[in-house]
Protein backbone atom coordinates (compact mmCIF):
# COMPACT_ATOMS: atom_id res chain seq x y z
CA UNK A 1 -19.21 48.91 18.48
CA UNK A 2 -19.85 45.77 16.44
CA UNK A 3 -17.82 47.17 13.55
CA UNK A 4 -14.98 47.98 15.94
CA UNK A 5 -14.95 44.41 17.23
CA UNK A 6 -15.07 43.03 13.69
CA UNK A 7 -12.05 45.19 12.77
CA UNK A 8 -10.19 44.02 15.85
CA UNK A 9 -10.93 40.42 14.92
CA UNK A 10 -9.60 41.00 11.40
CA UNK A 11 -6.41 42.53 12.80
CA UNK A 12 -5.89 39.61 15.17
CA UNK A 13 -6.56 37.09 12.38
CA UNK A 14 -3.93 38.83 10.25
CA UNK A 15 -1.49 38.57 13.15
CA UNK A 16 -2.24 34.86 13.38
CA UNK A 17 -1.54 34.13 9.70
CA UNK A 18 2.24 33.68 10.09
CA UNK A 19 1.68 31.57 13.19
CA UNK A 20 -0.82 29.39 11.39
CA UNK A 21 1.61 29.01 8.50
CA UNK A 22 4.38 27.94 10.88
CA UNK A 23 1.99 25.55 12.60
CA UNK A 24 1.27 23.91 9.25
CA UNK A 25 5.03 23.48 8.70
CA UNK A 26 5.35 21.94 12.16
CA UNK A 27 2.39 19.65 11.50
CA UNK A 28 4.09 18.41 8.33
CA UNK A 29 7.36 17.87 10.18
CA UNK A 30 5.58 16.14 13.05
CA UNK A 31 3.72 13.84 10.66
CA UNK A 32 6.94 12.89 8.87
CA UNK A 33 8.81 12.28 12.14
CA UNK A 34 5.93 10.22 13.50
CA UNK A 35 5.83 8.14 10.29
CA UNK A 36 9.56 7.47 10.49
CA UNK A 37 9.32 6.56 14.17
CA UNK A 38 6.32 4.27 13.69
CA UNK A 39 7.91 2.44 10.77
CA UNK A 40 11.01 1.65 12.83
CA UNK A 41 8.88 0.89 15.89
CA UNK A 42 6.80 -1.74 14.06
CA UNK A 43 9.94 -3.60 12.98
CA UNK A 44 11.66 -3.26 16.36
CA UNK A 45 8.57 -4.41 18.24
CA UNK A 46 8.16 -7.46 16.00
CA UNK A 47 11.81 -8.44 16.56
CA UNK A 48 11.45 -7.96 20.32
CA UNK A 49 8.30 -10.07 20.36
CA UNK A 50 10.08 -12.87 18.51
CA UNK A 51 13.07 -12.66 20.86
CA UNK A 52 10.87 -12.71 23.99
CA UNK A 53 8.61 -15.51 22.74
CA UNK A 54 10.86 -17.92 20.84
CA UNK A 55 8.60 -20.89 21.65
CA UNK A 56 5.82 -19.35 19.57
CA UNK A 57 8.09 -18.64 16.63
CA UNK A 58 9.71 -22.08 16.76
CA UNK A 59 6.28 -23.72 16.52
CA UNK A 60 5.41 -21.77 13.38
CA UNK A 61 6.01 -23.05 9.88
CA UNK A 62 8.50 -21.25 7.64
CA UNK A 63 5.61 -20.18 5.47
CA UNK A 64 3.79 -18.65 8.44
CA UNK A 65 6.95 -16.83 9.59
CA UNK A 66 7.49 -15.49 6.07
CA UNK A 67 3.87 -14.34 5.96
CA UNK A 68 4.21 -12.62 9.34
CA UNK A 69 7.43 -10.91 8.22
CA UNK A 70 5.76 -9.74 5.01
CA UNK A 71 2.84 -8.36 7.02
CA UNK A 72 5.15 -6.40 9.33
CA UNK A 73 7.14 -5.08 6.36
CA UNK A 74 3.92 -4.04 4.61
CA UNK A 75 2.74 -2.28 7.76
CA UNK A 76 6.08 -0.48 8.07
CA UNK A 77 5.94 0.48 4.39
CA UNK A 78 2.38 1.87 4.75
CA UNK A 79 3.16 3.81 7.91
CA UNK A 80 3.19 7.21 6.21
CA UNK A 81 -0.24 6.59 4.69
CA UNK A 82 -1.60 5.35 8.05
CA UNK A 83 -0.20 8.31 9.99
CA UNK A 84 -1.39 10.82 7.39
CA UNK A 85 -4.91 9.39 7.43
CA UNK A 86 -5.02 9.68 11.24
CA UNK A 87 -3.51 13.17 11.32
CA UNK A 88 -5.67 14.41 8.46
CA UNK A 89 -8.43 15.24 10.95
CA UNK A 90 -8.50 19.05 11.11
CA UNK A 91 -10.08 18.85 14.58
CA UNK A 92 -6.61 17.90 15.84
CA UNK A 93 -5.06 21.12 14.61
CA UNK A 94 -6.36 24.48 15.86
CA UNK A 95 -4.51 26.32 13.10
CA UNK A 96 -6.63 24.59 10.46
CA UNK A 97 -9.86 25.99 11.84
CA UNK A 98 -10.47 29.23 9.97
CA UNK A 99 -12.58 31.87 11.62
CA UNK A 100 -12.27 30.48 15.11
CA UNK A 101 -14.26 33.46 16.31
CA UNK A 102 -17.37 32.65 14.25
CA UNK A 103 -19.11 30.83 17.08
CA UNK A 104 -18.55 33.81 19.39
CA UNK A 105 -19.54 36.45 16.84
CA UNK A 106 -22.68 34.55 15.85
CA UNK A 107 -23.88 34.41 19.44
CA UNK A 108 -23.53 38.17 19.99
CA UNK A 109 -25.60 39.21 16.94
């Protein structure tokens, strides 16, 4: 019986391979799209903040404004690295967990 279950598990894992491959493609696409969105969002949010709070900006020196702009641009430029480091956690992606059945099979032995 145990051998039969092990064979069934192998068959199901083989069926999952193309799905896991597609999931990895989608993860890559999702990461890229999220990076693009976040980069634009950082810049848009900074501009909106300045527009909504002109009194703060007007009280800042030109040097401070330039520094703030450089910081936002640096953040936008590093967005892909930031997103990738956050999404690199395999716990977020079920398709990156090989042998999902191991916990179950180990408890029945």
